[in-house]
Amino acid sequence: MGDHCVFCYPELDRDQRIVMSNETCLFLQLHSAQKEGAPLNGSGVIVPKQHRDNTFDLTKEKWNDIFSLLKLVKERLDETVKPDGYNIGWNCGEVAGQHLFHAHLHVLPRYKDEPMAGKGIRYLFKNQGGSL
């Protein structure tokens, strides 16, 4: 853990805010992404308060705590931004797209009227000739 981890120390990123939490996890959002009609409106990440580099470093208890907070986050987003669906996911390791090395679960509300509506996380691979 470094003293510059924006998930260990959310106050380091002035654009980031804690929206919800439980005893061991936080749901963080970037204030700049929370504009009505914006593709990322409602999006955020769930992070354990205790630093872990990636998902594979989490205990079963942390997984359960993250899942519990995810259910509460969904309830809140369903009431506030009213998405039509969700993408939920982890990036584990630099090659997989992890840029901040503190485990974090992406929560991405999706909307019928957005440009990428109907295109899930496999869309990029399918359109690049991949077989995932």
N, C-alpha and C. Protein backbone atom coordinates (compact mmCIF):
# COMPACT_ATOMS: atom_id res chain seq x y z
N MET A 1 0.85 -1.18 0.00
CA MET A 1 0.00 0.00 0.00
C MET A 1 0.89 1.23 0.00
N GLY A 2 0.58 2.15 -0.84
CA GLY A 2 1.32 3.39 -0.88
C GLY A 2 0.52 4.52 -0.25
N ASP A 3 1.22 5.56 0.12
CA ASP A 3 0.56 6.73 0.69
C ASP A 3 -0.20 7.52 -0.35
N HIS A 4 -0.10 7.11 -1.61
CA HIS A 4 -0.73 7.85 -2.70
C HIS A 4 -1.89 7.08 -3.33
N CYS A 5 -2.34 6.02 -2.69
CA CYS A 5 -3.45 5.22 -3.24
C CYS A 5 -4.76 5.97 -3.02
N VAL A 6 -5.43 6.32 -4.12
CA VAL A 6 -6.67 7.10 -4.03
C VAL A 6 -7.85 6.27 -3.52
N PHE A 7 -7.67 4.96 -3.41
CA PHE A 7 -8.72 4.14 -2.81
C PHE A 7 -8.48 3.96 -1.31
N CYS A 8 -7.23 3.93 -0.89
CA CYS A 8 -6.91 3.90 0.54
C CYS A 8 -7.19 5.26 1.18
N TYR A 9 -6.92 6.31 0.40
CA TYR A 9 -7.09 7.69 0.86
C TYR A 9 -7.96 8.45 -0.15
N PRO A 10 -9.27 8.22 -0.15
CA PRO A 10 -10.15 8.83 -1.15
C PRO A 10 -10.06 10.35 -1.23
N GLU A 11 -9.67 10.98 -0.12
CA GLU A 11 -9.58 12.43 -0.11
C GLU A 11 -8.46 12.96 -1.00
N LEU A 12 -7.55 12.10 -1.47
CA LEU A 12 -6.47 12.53 -2.36
C LEU A 12 -6.99 12.95 -3.73
N ASP A 13 -8.13 12.42 -4.14
CA ASP A 13 -8.73 12.79 -5.42
C ASP A 13 -9.93 13.68 -5.13
N ARG A 14 -9.79 14.97 -5.36
CA ARG A 14 -10.86 15.92 -5.03
C ARG A 14 -12.13 15.69 -5.82
N ASP A 15 -12.03 14.99 -6.94
CA ASP A 15 -13.20 14.69 -7.77
C ASP A 15 -13.96 13.47 -7.25
N GLN A 16 -13.33 12.69 -6.41
CA GLN A 16 -13.90 11.43 -5.92
C GLN A 16 -14.68 11.67 -4.63
N ARG A 17 -15.79 10.94 -4.50
CA ARG A 17 -16.55 11.05 -3.26
C ARG A 17 -17.05 9.69 -2.82
N ILE A 18 -17.14 9.53 -1.50
CA ILE A 18 -17.70 8.31 -0.91
C ILE A 18 -19.21 8.47 -0.91
N VAL A 19 -19.90 7.57 -1.58
CA VAL A 19 -21.35 7.65 -1.68
C VAL A 19 -22.03 6.74 -0.67
N MET A 20 -21.47 5.55 -0.49
CA MET A 20 -22.02 4.58 0.44
C MET A 20 -20.86 3.78 1.02
N SER A 21 -21.12 3.13 2.16
CA SER A 21 -20.10 2.28 2.74
C SER A 21 -20.72 1.27 3.69
N ASN A 22 -19.95 0.26 4.02
CA ASN A 22 -20.28 -0.63 5.12
C ASN A 22 -19.02 -0.71 5.97
N GLU A 23 -18.94 -1.66 6.87
CA GLU A 23 -17.80 -1.70 7.79
C GLU A 23 -16.45 -1.86 7.08
N THR A 24 -16.43 -2.56 5.95
CA THR A 24 -15.14 -2.89 5.33
C THR A 24 -14.96 -2.37 3.90
N CYS A 25 -16.00 -1.77 3.31
CA CYS A 25 -15.93 -1.37 1.90
C CYS A 25 -16.54 0.02 1.67
N LEU A 26 -16.12 0.63 0.56
CA LEU A 26 -16.64 1.94 0.15
C LEU A 26 -17.19 1.85 -1.27
N PHE A 27 -18.22 2.63 -1.58
CA PHE A 27 -18.64 2.84 -2.96
C PHE A 27 -18.25 4.27 -3.29
N LEU A 28 -17.36 4.41 -4.29
CA LEU A 28 -16.82 5.71 -4.68
C LEU A 28 -17.31 6.08 -6.07
N GLN A 29 -17.56 7.37 -6.26
CA GLN A 29 -17.92 7.89 -7.58
C GLN A 29 -17.08 9.11 -7.87
N LEU A 30 -16.80 9.32 -9.15
CA LEU A 30 -16.17 10.56 -9.58
C LEU A 30 -17.28 11.58 -9.81
N HIS A 31 -17.20 12.70 -9.12
CA HIS A 31 -18.22 13.73 -9.22
C HIS A 31 -18.41 14.19 -10.67
N SER A 32 -17.31 14.33 -11.41
CA SER A 32 -17.37 14.83 -12.79
C SER A 32 -18.13 13.90 -13.73
N ALA A 33 -18.27 12.62 -13.39
CA ALA A 33 -18.95 11.66 -14.27
C ALA A 33 -20.45 11.57 -13.97
N GLN A 34 -20.90 12.28 -12.95
CA GLN A 34 -22.29 12.13 -12.50
C GLN A 34 -23.18 13.24 -13.05
N LYS A 35 -23.34 13.26 -14.35
CA LYS A 35 -24.19 14.25 -15.00
C LYS A 35 -25.35 13.53 -15.66
N GLU A 36 -26.56 14.03 -15.46
CA GLU A 36 -27.72 13.40 -16.06
C GLU A 36 -27.54 13.29 -17.57
N GLY A 37 -27.78 12.10 -18.09
CA GLY A 37 -27.63 11.85 -19.52
C GLY A 37 -26.22 11.46 -19.92
N ALA A 38 -25.27 11.59 -19.03
CA ALA A 38 -23.89 11.20 -19.34
C ALA A 38 -23.78 9.68 -19.35
N PRO A 39 -22.94 9.10 -20.23
CA PRO A 39 -22.82 7.64 -20.30
C PRO A 39 -22.39 7.01 -18.99
N LEU A 40 -21.64 7.73 -18.17
CA LEU A 40 -21.15 7.15 -16.92
C LEU A 40 -21.97 7.57 -15.71
N ASN A 41 -23.10 8.20 -15.92
CA ASN A 41 -23.93 8.65 -14.80
C ASN A 41 -24.30 7.48 -13.89
N GLY A 42 -23.95 7.59 -12.64
CA GLY A 42 -24.22 6.55 -11.67
C GLY A 42 -23.09 5.57 -11.47
N SER A 43 -22.09 5.59 -12.35
CA SER A 43 -21.01 4.61 -12.27
C SER A 43 -20.11 4.88 -11.07
N GLY A 44 -19.44 3.85 -10.65
CA GLY A 44 -18.51 3.98 -9.54
C GLY A 44 -17.78 2.67 -9.32
N VAL A 45 -17.04 2.61 -8.21
CA VAL A 45 -16.31 1.40 -7.86
C VAL A 45 -16.54 1.08 -6.39
N ILE A 46 -16.58 -0.20 -6.11
CA ILE A 46 -16.61 -0.67 -4.73
C ILE A 46 -15.21 -1.15 -4.40
N VAL A 47 -14.66 -0.63 -3.31
CA VAL A 47 -13.29 -0.96 -2.92
C VAL A 47 -13.27 -1.41 -1.46
N PRO A 48 -12.41 -2.38 -1.14
CA PRO A 48 -12.23 -2.70 0.27
C PRO A 48 -11.45 -1.57 0.94
N LYS A 49 -11.78 -1.26 2.18
CA LYS A 49 -11.05 -0.22 2.91
C LYS A 49 -9.61 -0.64 3.15
N GLN A 50 -9.41 -1.92 3.36
CA GLN A 50 -8.07 -2.45 3.59
C GLN A 50 -7.43 -2.74 2.23
N HIS A 51 -6.25 -2.22 2.01
CA HIS A 51 -5.60 -2.35 0.70
C HIS A 51 -5.34 -3.81 0.35
N ARG A 52 -5.78 -4.18 -0.84
CA ARG A 52 -5.45 -5.46 -1.47
C ARG A 52 -5.19 -5.14 -2.92
N ASP A 53 -4.09 -5.67 -3.47
CA ASP A 53 -3.70 -5.31 -4.84
C ASP A 53 -4.75 -5.66 -5.88
N ASN A 54 -5.34 -6.84 -5.78
CA ASN A 54 -6.35 -7.22 -6.78
C ASN A 54 -7.37 -8.19 -6.16
N THR A 55 -8.31 -8.56 -6.95
CA THR A 55 -9.42 -9.41 -6.51
C THR A 55 -8.95 -10.71 -5.87
N PHE A 56 -7.90 -11.28 -6.39
CA PHE A 56 -7.44 -12.57 -5.89
C PHE A 56 -6.81 -12.49 -4.50
N ASP A 57 -6.57 -11.28 -4.02
CA ASP A 57 -6.03 -11.09 -2.68
C ASP A 57 -7.13 -10.91 -1.62
N LEU A 58 -8.39 -10.96 -2.04
CA LEU A 58 -9.50 -10.75 -1.11
C LEU A 58 -9.88 -12.04 -0.39
N THR A 59 -10.28 -11.90 0.84
CA THR A 59 -10.79 -13.05 1.60
C THR A 59 -12.25 -13.30 1.24
N LYS A 60 -12.76 -14.45 1.60
CA LYS A 60 -14.17 -14.77 1.37
C LYS A 60 -15.06 -13.76 2.08
N GLU A 61 -14.66 -13.34 3.27
CA GLU A 61 -15.43 -12.35 4.02
C GLU A 61 -15.50 -11.02 3.28
N LYS A 62 -14.38 -10.60 2.68
CA LYS A 62 -14.38 -9.35 1.91
C LYS A 62 -15.28 -9.47 0.68
N TRP A 63 -15.23 -10.63 0.01
CA TRP A 63 -16.12 -10.86 -1.12
C TRP A 63 -17.58 -10.69 -0.68
N ASN A 64 -17.92 -11.28 0.46
CA ASN A 64 -19.29 -11.18 0.97
C ASN A 64 -19.64 -9.74 1.30
N ASP A 65 -18.71 -9.00 1.88
CA ASP A 65 -18.96 -7.59 2.21
C ASP A 65 -19.14 -6.76 0.94
N ILE A 66 -18.33 -7.03 -0.06
CA ILE A 66 -18.46 -6.32 -1.34
C ILE A 66 -19.80 -6.63 -1.98
N PHE A 67 -20.20 -7.91 -1.96
CA PHE A 67 -21.50 -8.29 -2.54
C PHE A 67 -22.64 -7.61 -1.80
N SER A 68 -22.56 -7.55 -0.47
CA SER A 68 -23.61 -6.90 0.32
C SER A 68 -23.72 -5.42 -0.06
N LEU A 69 -22.58 -4.75 -0.19
CA LEU A 69 -22.61 -3.34 -0.57
C LEU A 69 -23.11 -3.18 -2.01
N LEU A 70 -22.72 -4.09 -2.90
CA LEU A 70 -23.19 -4.04 -4.28
C LEU A 70 -24.72 -4.08 -4.35
N LYS A 71 -25.35 -4.91 -3.55
CA LYS A 71 -26.82 -4.98 -3.53
C LYS A 71 -27.42 -3.64 -3.09
N LEU A 72 -26.82 -3.00 -2.09
CA LEU A 72 -27.30 -1.70 -1.62
C LEU A 72 -27.07 -0.60 -2.67
N VAL A 73 -25.91 -0.67 -3.33
CA VAL A 73 -25.61 0.30 -4.39
C VAL A 73 -26.63 0.16 -5.51
N LYS A 74 -26.95 -1.06 -5.90
CA LYS A 74 -27.94 -1.27 -6.96
C LYS A 74 -29.30 -0.69 -6.57
N GLU A 75 -29.72 -0.93 -5.35
CA GLU A 75 -30.99 -0.36 -4.88
C GLU A 75 -30.98 1.16 -5.02
N ARG A 76 -29.89 1.77 -4.57
CA ARG A 76 -29.79 3.24 -4.64
C ARG A 76 -29.80 3.73 -6.09
N LEU A 77 -29.01 3.09 -6.95
CA LEU A 77 -28.96 3.52 -8.35
C LEU A 77 -30.29 3.28 -9.06
N ASP A 78 -30.95 2.18 -8.74
CA ASP A 78 -32.27 1.91 -9.33
C ASP A 78 -33.25 3.03 -8.99
N GLU A 79 -33.13 3.59 -7.80
CA GLU A 79 -34.02 4.68 -7.37
C GLU A 79 -33.59 6.04 -7.90
N THR A 80 -32.29 6.28 -8.01
CA THR A 80 -31.82 7.63 -8.34
C THR A 80 -31.57 7.85 -9.83
N VAL A 81 -30.84 6.96 -10.50
CA VAL A 81 -30.52 7.17 -11.92
C VAL A 81 -31.30 6.26 -12.85
N LYS A 82 -32.00 5.27 -12.28
CA LYS A 82 -32.92 4.39 -13.02
C LYS A 82 -32.33 3.79 -14.29
N PRO A 83 -31.24 3.02 -14.17
CA PRO A 83 -30.65 2.41 -15.36
C PRO A 83 -31.52 1.27 -15.89
N ASP A 84 -31.24 0.90 -17.13
CA ASP A 84 -31.95 -0.21 -17.76
C ASP A 84 -31.18 -1.51 -17.65
N GLY A 85 -29.95 -1.46 -17.19
CA GLY A 85 -29.11 -2.64 -17.00
C GLY A 85 -27.81 -2.23 -16.35
N TYR A 86 -26.93 -3.21 -16.17
CA TYR A 86 -25.64 -2.96 -15.51
C TYR A 86 -24.54 -3.79 -16.16
N ASN A 87 -23.32 -3.27 -16.14
CA ASN A 87 -22.10 -4.06 -16.32
C ASN A 87 -21.38 -3.98 -14.98
N ILE A 88 -20.93 -5.13 -14.51
CA ILE A 88 -20.21 -5.24 -13.24
C ILE A 88 -18.92 -5.99 -13.54
N GLY A 89 -17.77 -5.49 -13.08
CA GLY A 89 -16.56 -6.25 -13.39
C GLY A 89 -15.30 -5.81 -12.68
N TRP A 90 -14.34 -6.71 -12.70
CA TRP A 90 -13.01 -6.54 -12.12
C TRP A 90 -11.98 -6.56 -13.23
N ASN A 91 -10.96 -5.74 -13.12
CA ASN A 91 -9.76 -5.84 -13.94
C ASN A 91 -8.66 -6.28 -12.99
N CYS A 92 -7.99 -7.37 -13.30
CA CYS A 92 -6.96 -7.93 -12.40
C CYS A 92 -5.63 -8.03 -13.13
N GLY A 93 -4.74 -7.12 -12.82
CA GLY A 93 -3.42 -7.10 -13.45
C GLY A 93 -3.36 -6.08 -14.57
N GLU A 94 -2.18 -5.57 -14.81
CA GLU A 94 -1.98 -4.53 -15.82
C GLU A 94 -2.42 -4.97 -17.21
N VAL A 95 -2.10 -6.20 -17.59
CA VAL A 95 -2.47 -6.71 -18.92
C VAL A 95 -3.99 -6.76 -19.09
N ALA A 96 -4.71 -6.94 -17.99
CA ALA A 96 -6.17 -7.01 -18.03
C ALA A 96 -6.82 -5.63 -17.89
N GLY A 97 -6.01 -4.57 -17.84
CA GLY A 97 -6.55 -3.23 -17.79
C GLY A 97 -6.62 -2.60 -16.42
N GLN A 98 -6.04 -3.26 -15.41
CA GLN A 98 -6.03 -2.67 -14.07
C GLN A 98 -4.97 -1.58 -14.04
N HIS A 99 -5.39 -0.36 -13.72
CA HIS A 99 -4.45 0.77 -13.68
C HIS A 99 -4.20 1.24 -12.26
N LEU A 100 -5.15 1.02 -11.37
CA LEU A 100 -4.98 1.34 -9.95
C LEU A 100 -4.88 0.02 -9.21
N PHE A 101 -3.76 -0.23 -8.59
CA PHE A 101 -3.50 -1.54 -7.99
C PHE A 101 -3.98 -1.61 -6.54
N HIS A 102 -5.30 -1.43 -6.44
CA HIS A 102 -6.08 -1.63 -5.22
C HIS A 102 -7.36 -2.27 -5.76
N ALA A 103 -7.69 -3.45 -5.29
CA ALA A 103 -8.86 -4.18 -5.82
C ALA A 103 -10.07 -3.26 -5.87
N HIS A 104 -10.79 -3.27 -6.99
CA HIS A 104 -11.99 -2.45 -7.12
C HIS A 104 -12.95 -3.08 -8.13
N LEU A 105 -14.21 -3.11 -7.74
CA LEU A 105 -15.28 -3.66 -8.56
C LEU A 105 -15.98 -2.51 -9.27
N HIS A 106 -15.94 -2.51 -10.60
CA HIS A 106 -16.62 -1.48 -11.39
C HIS A 106 -18.12 -1.76 -11.41
N VAL A 107 -18.90 -0.72 -11.18
CA VAL A 107 -20.35 -0.78 -11.25
C VAL A 107 -20.76 0.24 -12.31
N LEU A 108 -21.25 -0.25 -13.45
CA LEU A 108 -21.56 0.62 -14.58
C LEU A 108 -23.03 0.51 -14.97
N PRO A 109 -23.85 1.46 -14.57
CA PRO A 109 -25.24 1.46 -15.02
C PRO A 109 -25.29 1.67 -16.53
N ARG A 110 -26.23 1.01 -17.18
CA ARG A 110 -26.38 1.13 -18.63
C ARG A 110 -27.79 1.62 -18.96
N TYR A 111 -27.91 2.34 -20.08
CA TYR A 111 -29.16 2.99 -20.44
C TYR A 111 -29.55 2.67 -21.89
N LYS A 112 -30.85 2.52 -22.12
CA LYS A 112 -31.36 2.19 -23.46
C LYS A 112 -30.96 3.21 -24.51
N ASP A 113 -30.87 4.48 -24.13
CA ASP A 113 -30.62 5.54 -25.11
C ASP A 113 -29.15 5.92 -25.26
N GLU A 114 -28.23 5.15 -24.68
CA GLU A 114 -26.81 5.48 -24.81
C GLU A 114 -26.27 4.91 -26.12
N PRO A 115 -25.19 5.49 -26.66
CA PRO A 115 -24.64 5.04 -27.94
C PRO A 115 -24.22 3.56 -27.96
N MET A 116 -23.80 3.01 -26.85
CA MET A 116 -23.34 1.62 -26.81
C MET A 116 -24.40 0.68 -26.22
N ALA A 117 -25.65 1.10 -26.18
CA ALA A 117 -26.72 0.26 -25.63
C ALA A 117 -26.75 -1.09 -26.34
N GLY A 118 -26.90 -2.13 -25.57
CA GLY A 118 -26.98 -3.48 -26.12
C GLY A 118 -25.63 -4.13 -26.36
N LYS A 119 -24.57 -3.41 -26.10
CA LYS A 119 -23.23 -3.93 -26.31
C LYS A 119 -22.59 -4.18 -24.95
N GLY A 120 -22.38 -5.43 -24.65
CA GLY A 120 -21.80 -5.82 -23.36
C GLY A 120 -20.30 -5.82 -23.39
N ILE A 121 -19.73 -6.40 -22.36
CA ILE A 121 -18.27 -6.38 -22.22
C ILE A 121 -17.56 -7.23 -23.27
N ARG A 122 -18.27 -8.16 -23.89
CA ARG A 122 -17.64 -8.99 -24.93
C ARG A 122 -17.68 -8.34 -26.30
N TYR A 123 -18.39 -7.22 -26.44
CA TYR A 123 -18.55 -6.54 -27.73
C TYR A 123 -17.21 -6.25 -28.40
N LEU A 124 -16.27 -5.71 -27.64
CA LEU A 124 -14.96 -5.34 -28.22
C LEU A 124 -14.28 -6.58 -28.79
N PHE A 125 -14.30 -7.69 -28.03
CA PHE A 125 -13.63 -8.90 -28.49
C PHE A 125 -14.30 -9.48 -29.73
N LYS A 126 -15.61 -9.49 -29.75
CA LYS A 126 -16.34 -10.03 -30.91
C LYS A 126 -16.05 -9.23 -32.16
N ASN A 127 -15.95 -7.89 -32.02
CA ASN A 127 -15.73 -7.05 -33.16
C ASN A 127 -14.28 -6.92 -33.57
N GLN A 128 -13.39 -7.54 -32.82
CA GLN A 128 -11.98 -7.53 -33.18
C GLN A 128 -11.54 -8.93 -33.60
N GLY A 129 -12.52 -9.81 -33.82
CA GLY A 129 -12.20 -11.17 -34.26
C GLY A 129 -11.86 -12.12 -33.13
N GLY A 130 -12.05 -11.69 -31.91
CA GLY A 130 -11.76 -12.54 -30.77
C GLY A 130 -12.86 -13.58 -30.55
N SER A 131 -12.61 -14.53 -29.71
CA SER A 131 -13.59 -15.59 -29.50
C SER A 131 -14.04 -15.68 -28.04
N LEU A 132 -13.81 -14.64 -27.25
CA LEU A 132 -14.25 -14.69 -25.87
C LEU A 132 -15.72 -14.64 -25.86
